[in-house]
Structure formats: structure tokens, C-alpha cells
């Protein structure tokens, strides 16, 4: 039995489509493009700007040293200059566990979050960013832990605590639930809206921006900072940013328009 399980690509795609209600009738009726967003920023057309890029940030403390906190402190030094943060994936190690979002992401990067002065009160599925934070899921954000290993890991908590200055597995009971935890944390998780009337109201409130192919999601720092899909595009300073893994099957599509459903987009 493998220590972690990684769902097949087809499962990843189908699960994420389901979570954002891909091409639901209420979405298509409104001509909403679920692969694009617009940053609500008055300087969005300014050709002179900077941004930050981080990735593989999911680990916790090691030998009483928290590398994520050090990275966050370095980011804060450029806080006034950078317009947004791109994250290249693997937000929480080892298996994207909900239990580790506080320690491995929310607390270290608390200044990026509304209410960050009290990080323990921020739930992983209620995060709102005060500066655009734009991730894509990595393989660790999809990983799960077989139940038997989860039980063993939790049984070993006392030993892990004693050895915390030297080793910590950074695993919860199971893991990401095939990317569900990541989706709840960062995507506009439309599956949680249980009736069409509420969904229609939500779409009319948040999908008001004009994109390249119709209406799209409006990303509003301090208010609404969800992403429309696991992959997406946006424009800043006249530059198109495509947030996805570029695979050979995607190179056939003309830039900058994002394919509606990349054939081989695993992450």
C-alpha cells in the first residue's frame, strides 16, 4: 500500500468541475466564463507593476524554525510594491489536510488575510485575502492518506510531539479528500449553494465583470477573493496571466485564450 494516494487525472478534473458547478444552466444563461477573473484594482491597466511568486509552501515548523513565516516576512518587505501573489501549488503538505491549514498556511501568512490578527479564528473555507492571492493546486493539494496510515500517524502523536524539533509528518487523518479541502479554501465552491435561487443571487452579485468572452468573476480584495476554477486567466498591466500547468496538449490552443477544458490538465 502506498503511503499517499493521488487520484487519476480524470477524477481530478471531474471532481473540480462538479465543485464549481461547471456550465450549470444558470451560469451558461448569463454567458459567464468560468475560466476568467478580473481583479478589482484601479491600477489594473498600469503597465508598470510587480508581483510575487511562491510555491511548495506547505511545510510546517522544522527544528523550531518555520520557513513559511520567514517567507511571509520577506513578502511583507515588498508588500507596498507588489500587486498580487501567484502560488504555483502545494499549499499544504503533506496531504492537503484541513487540520494543517492553520499551522502551515493561515498562521504563517496571516498578514495576507482579513482578520489575520487572530489567525486561530479563521477557518480554511472562510479565508478572505486583503491582497490578491492566486494559487493553482499542486499534487500535494490532491493527495490523500489511506485510513490505516492516518490511524498510525495519530496514534504516534505523543512520540511526534516529543520529537517535534526533529520530525513531523504533517499529516491528518486522511488528507485532501481528492482536492476538496483546497477547493473549499480557494475556489468559488458553488456546490455548497443548495438551491437555484441562492445560486442565481450569488452569480448576479459576484460575476459582474466583463472578460474577454463574456461575464466573469470579479475578484475583490477584502471582500470576495474566490477563484472561478482550478485553472483560470486574468489580465494585469496589459499582460495575460494563465494560471495552469502547461502541458503538450495545451500548446495547441492560441494564446491568450484559455481552453475550456484542457485535455491533460492534472493540477
C-alpha atoms as a PDB file:
ATOM      1  CA  UNK A   1       0.000   0.000   0.000  1.00  0.00           C
ATOM      2  CA  UNK A   2       1.352   3.409  -0.985  1.00  0.00           C
ATOM      3  CA  UNK A   3       1.825   5.973   1.796  1.00  0.00           C
ATOM      4  CA  UNK A   4      -0.275   8.532  -0.105  1.00  0.00           C
ATOM      5  CA  UNK A   5      -2.831   8.177  -2.885  1.00  0.00           C
ATOM      6  CA  UNK A   6      -3.125  10.500  -5.864  1.00  0.00           C
ATOM      7  CA  UNK A   7      -6.423  10.398  -7.797  1.00  0.00           C
ATOM      8  CA  UNK A   8      -6.310   9.852 -11.586  1.00  0.00           C
ATOM      9  CA  UNK A   9      -6.323  12.948 -13.779  1.00  0.00           C
ATOM     10  CA  UNK A  10      -9.857  12.248 -14.985  1.00  0.00           C
ATOM     11  CA  UNK A  11     -11.085  12.112 -11.379  1.00  0.00           C
ATOM     12  CA  UNK A  12      -9.355  15.397 -10.533  1.00  0.00           C
ATOM     13  CA  UNK A  13     -10.974  17.141 -13.475  1.00  0.00           C
ATOM     14  CA  UNK A  14     -14.439  15.722 -12.835  1.00  0.00           C
ATOM     15  CA  UNK A  15     -14.359  16.463  -9.101  1.00  0.00           C
ATOM     16  CA  UNK A  16     -13.318  20.082  -9.598  1.00  0.00           C
ATOM     17  CA  UNK A  17     -15.909  20.618 -12.337  1.00  0.00           C
ATOM     18  CA  UNK A  18     -18.578  19.325 -10.000  1.00  0.00           C
ATOM     19  CA  UNK A  19     -17.451  21.614  -7.159  1.00  0.00           C
ATOM     20  CA  UNK A  20     -17.760  24.777  -9.278  1.00  0.00           C
ATOM     21  CA  UNK A  21     -20.941  23.554 -10.998  1.00  0.00           C
ATOM     22  CA  UNK A  22     -19.235  23.697 -14.355  1.00  0.00           C
ATOM     23  CA  UNK A  23     -21.609  25.080 -17.028  1.00  0.00           C
ATOM     24  CA  UNK A  24     -24.689  24.905 -14.830  1.00  0.00           C
ATOM     25  CA  UNK A  25     -27.713  26.258 -16.775  1.00  0.00           C
ATOM     26  CA  UNK A  26     -27.835  29.393 -14.618  1.00  0.00           C
ATOM     27  CA  UNK A  27     -24.182  30.011 -15.478  1.00  0.00           C
ATOM     28  CA  UNK A  28     -24.499  29.472 -19.221  1.00  0.00           C
ATOM     29  CA  UNK A  29     -27.692  31.573 -19.359  1.00  0.00           C
ATOM     30  CA  UNK A  30     -25.715  34.505 -18.020  1.00  0.00           C
ATOM     31  CA  UNK A  31     -22.871  33.925 -20.510  1.00  0.00           C
ATOM     32  CA  UNK A  32     -20.394  33.520 -17.661  1.00  0.00           C
ATOM     33  CA  UNK A  33     -16.871  32.374 -18.453  1.00  0.00           C
ATOM     34  CA  UNK A  34     -15.713  30.170 -15.569  1.00  0.00           C
ATOM     35  CA  UNK A  35     -12.088  30.295 -16.708  1.00  0.00           C
ATOM     36  CA  UNK A  36     -11.508  34.017 -16.206  1.00  0.00           C
ATOM     37  CA  UNK A  37     -11.490  36.603 -13.441  1.00  0.00           C
ATOM     38  CA  UNK A  38     -10.982  40.349 -13.219  1.00  0.00           C
ATOM     39  CA  UNK A  39      -9.019  41.882 -10.355  1.00  0.00           C
ATOM     40  CA  UNK A  40     -10.880  44.781  -8.781  1.00  0.00           C
ATOM     41  CA  UNK A  41      -7.886  47.106  -8.812  1.00  0.00           C
ATOM     42  CA  UNK A  42      -7.846  50.689 -10.052  1.00  0.00           C
ATOM     43  CA  UNK A  43      -4.257  50.230 -11.256  1.00  0.00           C
ATOM     44  CA  UNK A  44      -5.033  47.136 -13.324  1.00  0.00           C
ATOM     45  CA  UNK A  45      -4.212  48.958 -16.587  1.00  0.00           C
ATOM     46  CA  UNK A  46      -0.911  50.357 -15.341  1.00  0.00           C
ATOM     47  CA  UNK A  47       1.866  48.725 -17.422  1.00  0.00           C
ATOM     48  CA  UNK A  48       4.388  49.234 -14.604  1.00  0.00           C
ATOM     49  CA  UNK A  49       3.851  46.806 -11.749  1.00  0.00           C
ATOM     50  CA  UNK A  50       5.437  43.968  -9.799  1.00  0.00           C
ATOM     51  CA  UNK A  51       4.139  40.761  -8.252  1.00  0.00           C
ATOM     52  CA  UNK A  52       5.365  37.953  -6.017  1.00  0.00           C
ATOM     53  CA  UNK A  53       5.598  34.220  -6.808  1.00  0.00           C
ATOM     54  CA  UNK A  54       5.856  31.439  -4.253  1.00  0.00           C
ATOM     55  CA  UNK A  55       5.285  27.693  -4.335  1.00  0.00           C
ATOM     56  CA  UNK A  56       5.689  24.457  -2.398  1.00  0.00           C
ATOM     57  CA  UNK A  57       4.976  26.422   0.738  1.00  0.00           C
ATOM     58  CA  UNK A  58       3.072  23.748   2.593  1.00  0.00           C
ATOM     59  CA  UNK A  59       5.529  22.567   5.224  1.00  0.00           C
ATOM     60  CA  UNK A  60       5.344  23.422   8.913  1.00  0.00           C
ATOM     61  CA  UNK A  61       7.963  24.106  11.527  1.00  0.00           C
ATOM     62  CA  UNK A  62      11.255  22.245  11.353  1.00  0.00           C
ATOM     63  CA  UNK A  63      13.689  22.176  14.260  1.00  0.00           C
ATOM     64  CA  UNK A  64      11.799  25.112  15.818  1.00  0.00           C
ATOM     65  CA  UNK A  65      12.217  27.054  12.581  1.00  0.00           C
ATOM     66  CA  UNK A  66       9.179  27.955  10.468  1.00  0.00           C
ATOM     67  CA  UNK A  67      10.309  28.524   6.867  1.00  0.00           C
ATOM     68  CA  UNK A  68       6.842  29.703   5.845  1.00  0.00           C
ATOM     69  CA  UNK A  69       6.938  32.506   8.383  1.00  0.00           C
ATOM     70  CA  UNK A  70      10.339  33.607   7.089  1.00  0.00           C
ATOM     71  CA  UNK A  71       8.986  33.694   3.538  1.00  0.00           C
ATOM     72  CA  UNK A  72       5.961  35.696   4.676  1.00  0.00           C
ATOM     73  CA  UNK A  73       8.199  38.216   6.426  1.00  0.00           C
ATOM     74  CA  UNK A  74      10.223  38.644   3.239  1.00  0.00           C
ATOM     75  CA  UNK A  75       6.998  39.117   1.267  1.00  0.00           C
ATOM     76  CA  UNK A  76       5.879  41.817   3.671  1.00  0.00           C
ATOM     77  CA  UNK A  77       9.024  43.804   2.872  1.00  0.00           C
ATOM     78  CA  UNK A  78       7.668  44.170  -0.666  1.00  0.00           C
ATOM     79  CA  UNK A  79       4.038  44.476   0.337  1.00  0.00           C
ATOM     80  CA  UNK A  80       3.511  48.021  -0.875  1.00  0.00           C
ATOM     81  CA  UNK A  81       5.151  47.386  -4.237  1.00  0.00           C
ATOM     82  CA  UNK A  82       3.636  44.062  -5.337  1.00  0.00           C
ATOM     83  CA  UNK A  83       0.128  43.951  -6.767  1.00  0.00           C
ATOM     84  CA  UNK A  84      -0.638  40.275  -6.238  1.00  0.00           C
ATOM     85  CA  UNK A  85       0.827  36.929  -5.202  1.00  0.00           C
ATOM     86  CA  UNK A  86       0.953  33.895  -7.505  1.00  0.00           C
ATOM     87  CA  UNK A  87       1.211  30.492  -5.847  1.00  0.00           C
ATOM     88  CA  UNK A  88       2.429  27.610  -8.018  1.00  0.00           C
ATOM     89  CA  UNK A  89       0.880  24.810  -5.939  1.00  0.00           C
ATOM     90  CA  UNK A  90       1.325  22.572  -2.881  1.00  0.00           C
ATOM     91  CA  UNK A  91      -0.228  24.961  -0.396  1.00  0.00           C
ATOM     92  CA  UNK A  92      -0.323  22.463   2.484  1.00  0.00           C
ATOM     93  CA  UNK A  93       1.899  19.423   2.996  1.00  0.00           C
ATOM     94  CA  UNK A  94       1.835  16.515   3.209  1.00  0.00           C
ATOM     95  CA  UNK A  95      -1.619  15.596   2.007  1.00  0.00           C
ATOM     96  CA  UNK A  96      -3.558  18.874   1.943  1.00  0.00           C
ATOM     97  CA  UNK A  97      -5.172  18.125   5.305  1.00  0.00           C
ATOM     98  CA  UNK A  98      -7.701  20.576   6.664  1.00  0.00           C
ATOM     99  CA  UNK A  99      -6.092  20.234  10.125  1.00  0.00           C
ATOM    100  CA  UNK A 100      -2.835  21.707   8.814  1.00  0.00           C
ATOM    101  CA  UNK A 101      -4.178  24.821   7.090  1.00  0.00           C
ATOM    102  CA  UNK A 102      -3.912  26.862  10.278  1.00  0.00           C
ATOM    103  CA  UNK A 103      -0.346  25.902  11.131  1.00  0.00           C
ATOM    104  CA  UNK A 104       1.098  25.564   7.643  1.00  0.00           C
ATOM    105  CA  UNK A 105      -0.685  28.410   5.852  1.00  0.00           C
ATOM    106  CA  UNK A 106      -3.087  30.667   7.751  1.00  0.00           C
ATOM    107  CA  UNK A 107      -0.829  31.489  10.685  1.00  0.00           C
ATOM    108  CA  UNK A 108       2.431  31.981   8.731  1.00  0.00           C
ATOM    109  CA  UNK A 109       0.767  34.173   6.083  1.00  0.00           C
ATOM    110  CA  UNK A 110      -1.710  35.851   8.420  1.00  0.00           C
ATOM    111  CA  UNK A 111      -0.942  39.388   7.224  1.00  0.00           C
ATOM    112  CA  UNK A 112      -2.393  38.460   3.834  1.00  0.00           C
ATOM    113  CA  UNK A 113      -5.740  37.644   5.414  1.00  0.00           C
ATOM    114  CA  UNK A 114      -8.624  39.721   6.688  1.00  0.00           C
ATOM    115  CA  UNK A 115      -8.709  39.174  10.441  1.00  0.00           C
ATOM    116  CA  UNK A 116      -5.152  37.904  10.419  1.00  0.00           C
ATOM    117  CA  UNK A 117      -4.511  39.395  13.851  1.00  0.00           C
ATOM    118  CA  UNK A 118      -6.498  36.420  15.175  1.00  0.00           C
ATOM    119  CA  UNK A 119      -5.494  33.582  12.830  1.00  0.00           C
ATOM    120  CA  UNK A 120      -6.946  30.824  15.029  1.00  0.00           C
ATOM    121  CA  UNK A 121     -10.413  32.195  14.330  1.00  0.00           C
ATOM    122  CA  UNK A 122     -10.003  31.909  10.551  1.00  0.00           C
ATOM    123  CA  UNK A 123     -11.442  28.729   9.056  1.00  0.00           C
ATOM    124  CA  UNK A 124      -9.793  27.236   5.998  1.00  0.00           C
ATOM    125  CA  UNK A 125     -13.029  27.648   3.999  1.00  0.00           C
ATOM    126  CA  UNK A 126     -13.663  31.230   5.142  1.00  0.00           C
ATOM    127  CA  UNK A 127     -10.430  32.917   4.121  1.00  0.00           C
ATOM    128  CA  UNK A 128     -10.591  36.401   2.590  1.00  0.00           C
ATOM    129  CA  UNK A 129      -7.382  37.965   1.303  1.00  0.00           C
ATOM    130  CA  UNK A 130      -6.533  41.637   1.620  1.00  0.00           C
ATOM    131  CA  UNK A 131      -4.195  41.359  -1.379  1.00  0.00           C
ATOM    132  CA  UNK A 132      -4.894  39.140  -4.408  1.00  0.00           C
ATOM    133  CA  UNK A 133      -3.574  35.655  -3.658  1.00  0.00           C
ATOM    134  CA  UNK A 134      -3.851  33.476  -6.748  1.00  0.00           C
ATOM    135  CA  UNK A 135      -2.928  29.792  -6.392  1.00  0.00           C
ATOM    136  CA  UNK A 136      -3.323  26.680  -8.501  1.00  0.00           C
ATOM    137  CA  UNK A 137      -3.488  23.230  -6.881  1.00  0.00           C
ATOM    138  CA  UNK A 138      -0.371  21.075  -6.800  1.00  0.00           C
ATOM    139  CA  UNK A 139      -0.140  17.333  -6.378  1.00  0.00           C
ATOM    140  CA  UNK A 140       0.031  17.568  -2.565  1.00  0.00           C
ATOM    141  CA  UNK A 141      -3.235  19.516  -2.612  1.00  0.00           C
ATOM    142  CA  UNK A 142      -4.858  16.405  -4.127  1.00  0.00           C
ATOM    143  CA  UNK A 143      -3.155  13.735  -2.015  1.00  0.00           C
ATOM    144  CA  UNK A 144      -4.998  11.519   0.440  1.00  0.00           C
ATOM    145  CA  UNK A 145      -3.750   9.274   3.202  1.00  0.00           C
ATOM    146  CA  UNK A 146      -5.038   5.681   3.458  1.00  0.00           C
ATOM    147  CA  UNK A 147      -7.015   5.349   6.686  1.00  0.00           C
ATOM    148  CA  UNK A 148      -4.626   2.847   8.229  1.00  0.00           C
ATOM    149  CA  UNK A 149      -1.732   5.283   7.864  1.00  0.00           C
ATOM    150  CA  UNK A 150      -3.877   8.072   9.279  1.00  0.00           C
ATOM    151  CA  UNK A 151      -4.617   5.958  12.347  1.00  0.00           C
ATOM    152  CA  UNK A 152      -0.939   5.123  12.775  1.00  0.00           C
ATOM    153  CA  UNK A 153       0.020   8.782  12.389  1.00  0.00           C
ATOM    154  CA  UNK A 154      -2.479   9.908  15.024  1.00  0.00           C
ATOM    155  CA  UNK A 155      -1.519   7.064  17.370  1.00  0.00           C
ATOM    156  CA  UNK A 156       2.065   8.276  17.153  1.00  0.00           C
ATOM    157  CA  UNK A 157       1.160  11.866  18.118  1.00  0.00           C
ATOM    158  CA  UNK A 158       2.834  11.675  21.579  1.00  0.00           C
ATOM    159  CA  UNK A 159       6.066  10.443  20.018  1.00  0.00           C
ATOM    160  CA  UNK A 160       5.823  13.044  17.254  1.00  0.00           C
ATOM    161  CA  UNK A 161       5.352  15.708  19.918  1.00  0.00           C
ATOM    162  CA  UNK A 162       8.476  14.606  21.763  1.00  0.00           C
ATOM    163  CA  UNK A 163      10.432  14.645  18.509  1.00  0.00           C
ATOM    164  CA  UNK A 164       8.793  17.784  17.102  1.00  0.00           C
ATOM    165  CA  UNK A 165      12.118  19.618  16.931  1.00  0.00           C
ATOM    166  CA  UNK A 166      13.384  16.944  14.529  1.00  0.00           C
ATOM    167  CA  UNK A 167      10.479  15.392  12.661  1.00  0.00           C
ATOM    168  CA  UNK A 168       6.806  15.939  11.931  1.00  0.00           C
ATOM    169  CA  UNK A 169       4.873  14.099   9.251  1.00  0.00           C
ATOM    170  CA  UNK A 170       2.412  16.979   8.657  1.00  0.00           C
ATOM    171  CA  UNK A 171      -0.478  14.570   8.108  1.00  0.00           C
ATOM    172  CA  UNK A 172      -4.012  14.460   9.442  1.00  0.00           C
ATOM    173  CA  UNK A 173      -6.458  11.567   9.469  1.00  0.00           C
ATOM    174  CA  UNK A 174      -6.933  11.333   5.698  1.00  0.00           C
ATOM    175  CA  UNK A 175      -5.884  14.274   3.583  1.00  0.00           C
ATOM    176  CA  UNK A 176      -7.377  16.474   0.912  1.00  0.00           C
ATOM    177  CA  UNK A 177     -10.413  14.332   0.048  1.00  0.00           C
ATOM    178  CA  UNK A 178      -9.289  14.354  -3.598  1.00  0.00           C
ATOM    179  CA  UNK A 179      -8.763  18.115  -3.619  1.00  0.00           C
ATOM    180  CA  UNK A 180     -11.960  19.053  -1.789  1.00  0.00           C
ATOM    181  CA  UNK A 181     -10.168  20.907   1.030  1.00  0.00           C
ATOM    182  CA  UNK A 182      -8.216  23.041  -1.460  1.00  0.00           C
ATOM    183  CA  UNK A 183     -11.423  23.758  -3.386  1.00  0.00           C
ATOM    184  CA  UNK A 184     -13.205  24.861  -0.215  1.00  0.00           C
ATOM    185  CA  UNK A 185     -10.265  27.077   0.700  1.00  0.00           C
ATOM    186  CA  UNK A 186      -9.714  28.896  -2.591  1.00  0.00           C
ATOM    187  CA  UNK A 187     -12.390  28.211  -5.213  1.00  0.00           C
ATOM    188  CA  UNK A 188     -15.868  29.654  -5.514  1.00  0.00           C
ATOM    189  CA  UNK A 189     -17.360  26.455  -4.128  1.00  0.00           C
ATOM    190  CA  UNK A 190     -20.757  26.706  -5.805  1.00  0.00           C
ATOM    191  CA  UNK A 191     -21.631  23.146  -4.833  1.00  0.00           C
ATOM    192  CA  UNK A 192     -22.263  24.437  -1.298  1.00  0.00           C
ATOM    193  CA  UNK A 193     -25.129  26.617  -2.571  1.00  0.00           C
ATOM    194  CA  UNK A 194     -28.090  24.293  -2.232  1.00  0.00           C
ATOM    195  CA  UNK A 195     -30.816  25.958  -4.319  1.00  0.00           C
ATOM    196  CA  UNK A 196     -31.120  27.720  -7.654  1.00  0.00           C
ATOM    197  CA  UNK A 197     -32.483  30.965  -6.215  1.00  0.00           C
ATOM    198  CA  UNK A 198     -29.449  31.379  -3.959  1.00  0.00           C
ATOM    199  CA  UNK A 199     -27.125  30.406  -6.800  1.00  0.00           C
ATOM    200  CA  UNK A 200     -28.686  32.979  -9.113  1.00  0.00           C
ATOM    201  CA  UNK A 201     -28.301  35.686  -6.454  1.00  0.00           C
ATOM    202  CA  UNK A 202     -24.669  34.697  -5.913  1.00  0.00           C
ATOM    203  CA  UNK A 203     -23.877  34.821  -9.639  1.00  0.00           C
ATOM    204  CA  UNK A 204     -25.579  38.206 -10.035  1.00  0.00           C
ATOM    205  CA  UNK A 205     -23.536  39.576  -7.146  1.00  0.00           C
ATOM    206  CA  UNK A 206     -20.060  38.246  -7.951  1.00  0.00           C
ATOM    207  CA  UNK A 207     -19.921  37.514 -11.694  1.00  0.00           C
ATOM    208  CA  UNK A 208     -20.371  41.072 -12.918  1.00  0.00           C
ATOM    209  CA  UNK A 209     -17.006  41.772 -14.548  1.00  0.00           C
ATOM    210  CA  UNK A 210     -16.597  41.884 -18.333  1.00  0.00           C
ATOM    211  CA  UNK A 211     -13.954  39.480 -19.525  1.00  0.00           C
ATOM    212  CA  UNK A 212     -12.663  38.517 -22.945  1.00  0.00           C
ATOM    213  CA  UNK A 213     -15.555  36.126 -23.624  1.00  0.00           C
ATOM    214  CA  UNK A 214     -18.469  37.411 -21.588  1.00  0.00           C
ATOM    215  CA  UNK A 215     -19.099  37.972 -17.915  1.00  0.00           C
ATOM    216  CA  UNK A 216     -16.689  36.583 -15.358  1.00  0.00           C
ATOM    217  CA  UNK A 217     -15.880  36.612 -11.670  1.00  0.00           C
ATOM    218  CA  UNK A 218     -14.882  39.885 -10.026  1.00  0.00           C
ATOM    219  CA  UNK A 219     -12.069  39.329  -7.512  1.00  0.00           C
ATOM    220  CA  UNK A 220     -12.431  41.903  -4.716  1.00  0.00           C
ATOM    221  CA  UNK A 221      -9.667  42.089  -2.087  1.00  0.00           C
ATOM    222  CA  UNK A 222     -11.014  42.393   1.460  1.00  0.00           C
ATOM    223  CA  UNK A 223     -14.458  41.303   0.279  1.00  0.00           C
ATOM    224  CA  UNK A 224     -14.633  38.358  -2.116  1.00  0.00           C
ATOM    225  CA  UNK A 225     -11.446  36.545  -3.043  1.00  0.00           C
ATOM    226  CA  UNK A 226     -12.588  33.256  -4.532  1.00  0.00           C
ATOM    227  CA  UNK A 227     -11.326  31.779  -7.788  1.00  0.00           C
ATOM    228  CA  UNK A 228     -13.685  30.598 -10.546  1.00  0.00           C
ATOM    229  CA  UNK A 229     -11.951  27.300 -11.271  1.00  0.00           C
ATOM    230  CA  UNK A 230      -8.859  25.203 -10.638  1.00  0.00           C
ATOM    231  CA  UNK A 231      -7.316  26.966 -13.658  1.00  0.00           C
ATOM    232  CA  UNK A 232      -8.080  30.489 -14.850  1.00  0.00           C
ATOM    233  CA  UNK A 233      -6.747  33.570 -16.564  1.00  0.00           C
ATOM    234  CA  UNK A 234      -6.654  37.269 -15.766  1.00  0.00           C
ATOM    235  CA  UNK A 235      -5.146  40.414 -17.241  1.00  0.00           C
ATOM    236  CA  UNK A 236      -2.992  42.965 -15.459  1.00  0.00           C
ATOM    237  CA  UNK A 237      -0.993  45.799 -16.974  1.00  0.00           C
ATOM    238  CA  UNK A 238      -1.821  44.577 -20.475  1.00  0.00           C
ATOM    239  CA  UNK A 239      -0.372  41.106 -19.731  1.00  0.00           C
ATOM    240  CA  UNK A 240      -2.435  37.918 -19.757  1.00  0.00           C
ATOM    241  CA  UNK A 241      -1.673  35.523 -16.899  1.00  0.00           C
ATOM    242  CA  UNK A 242      -2.668  31.907 -17.458  1.00  0.00           C
ATOM    243  CA  UNK A 243      -2.815  30.004 -14.170  1.00  0.00           C
ATOM    244  CA  UNK A 244      -2.367  26.363 -15.033  1.00  0.00           C
ATOM    245  CA  UNK A 245       0.254  23.702 -15.698  1.00  0.00           C
ATOM    246  CA  UNK A 246       1.282  23.978 -19.347  1.00  0.00           C
ATOM    247  CA  UNK A 247       1.233  20.520 -20.902  1.00  0.00           C
ATOM    248  CA  UNK A 248       1.821  19.481 -24.536  1.00  0.00           C
ATOM    249  CA  UNK A 249      -1.913  19.057 -25.082  1.00  0.00           C
ATOM    250  CA  UNK A 250      -2.475  22.722 -24.150  1.00  0.00           C
ATOM    251  CA  UNK A 251       0.075  24.196 -26.529  1.00  0.00           C
ATOM    252  CA  UNK A 252      -2.306  23.679 -29.450  1.00  0.00           C
ATOM    253  CA  UNK A 253      -4.566  26.422 -28.092  1.00  0.00           C
ATOM    254  CA  UNK A 254      -3.867  30.013 -29.194  1.00  0.00           C
ATOM    255  CA  UNK A 255      -2.606  32.399 -26.543  1.00  0.00           C
ATOM    256  CA  UNK A 256      -4.076  34.122 -24.590  1.00  0.00           C
ATOM    257  CA  UNK A 257      -7.483  32.386 -24.613  1.00  0.00           C
ATOM    258  CA  UNK A 258      -7.679  29.581 -22.080  1.00  0.00           C
ATOM    259  CA  UNK A 259      -9.029  26.240 -23.299  1.00  0.00           C
ATOM    260  CA  UNK A 260     -12.449  25.460 -21.895  1.00  0.00           C
ATOM    261  CA  UNK A 261     -11.257  22.095 -20.654  1.00  0.00           C
ATOM    262  CA  UNK A 262      -7.551  21.250 -21.048  1.00  0.00           C
ATOM    263  CA  UNK A 263      -7.187  17.632 -22.059  1.00  0.00           C
ATOM    264  CA  UNK A 264      -4.278  16.888 -19.768  1.00  0.00           C
ATOM    265  CA  UNK A 265      -4.522  19.463 -17.011  1.00  0.00           C
ATOM    266  CA  UNK A 266      -3.836  17.428 -13.886  1.00  0.00           C
ATOM    267  CA  UNK A 267      -3.318  20.141 -11.347  1.00  0.00           C
END
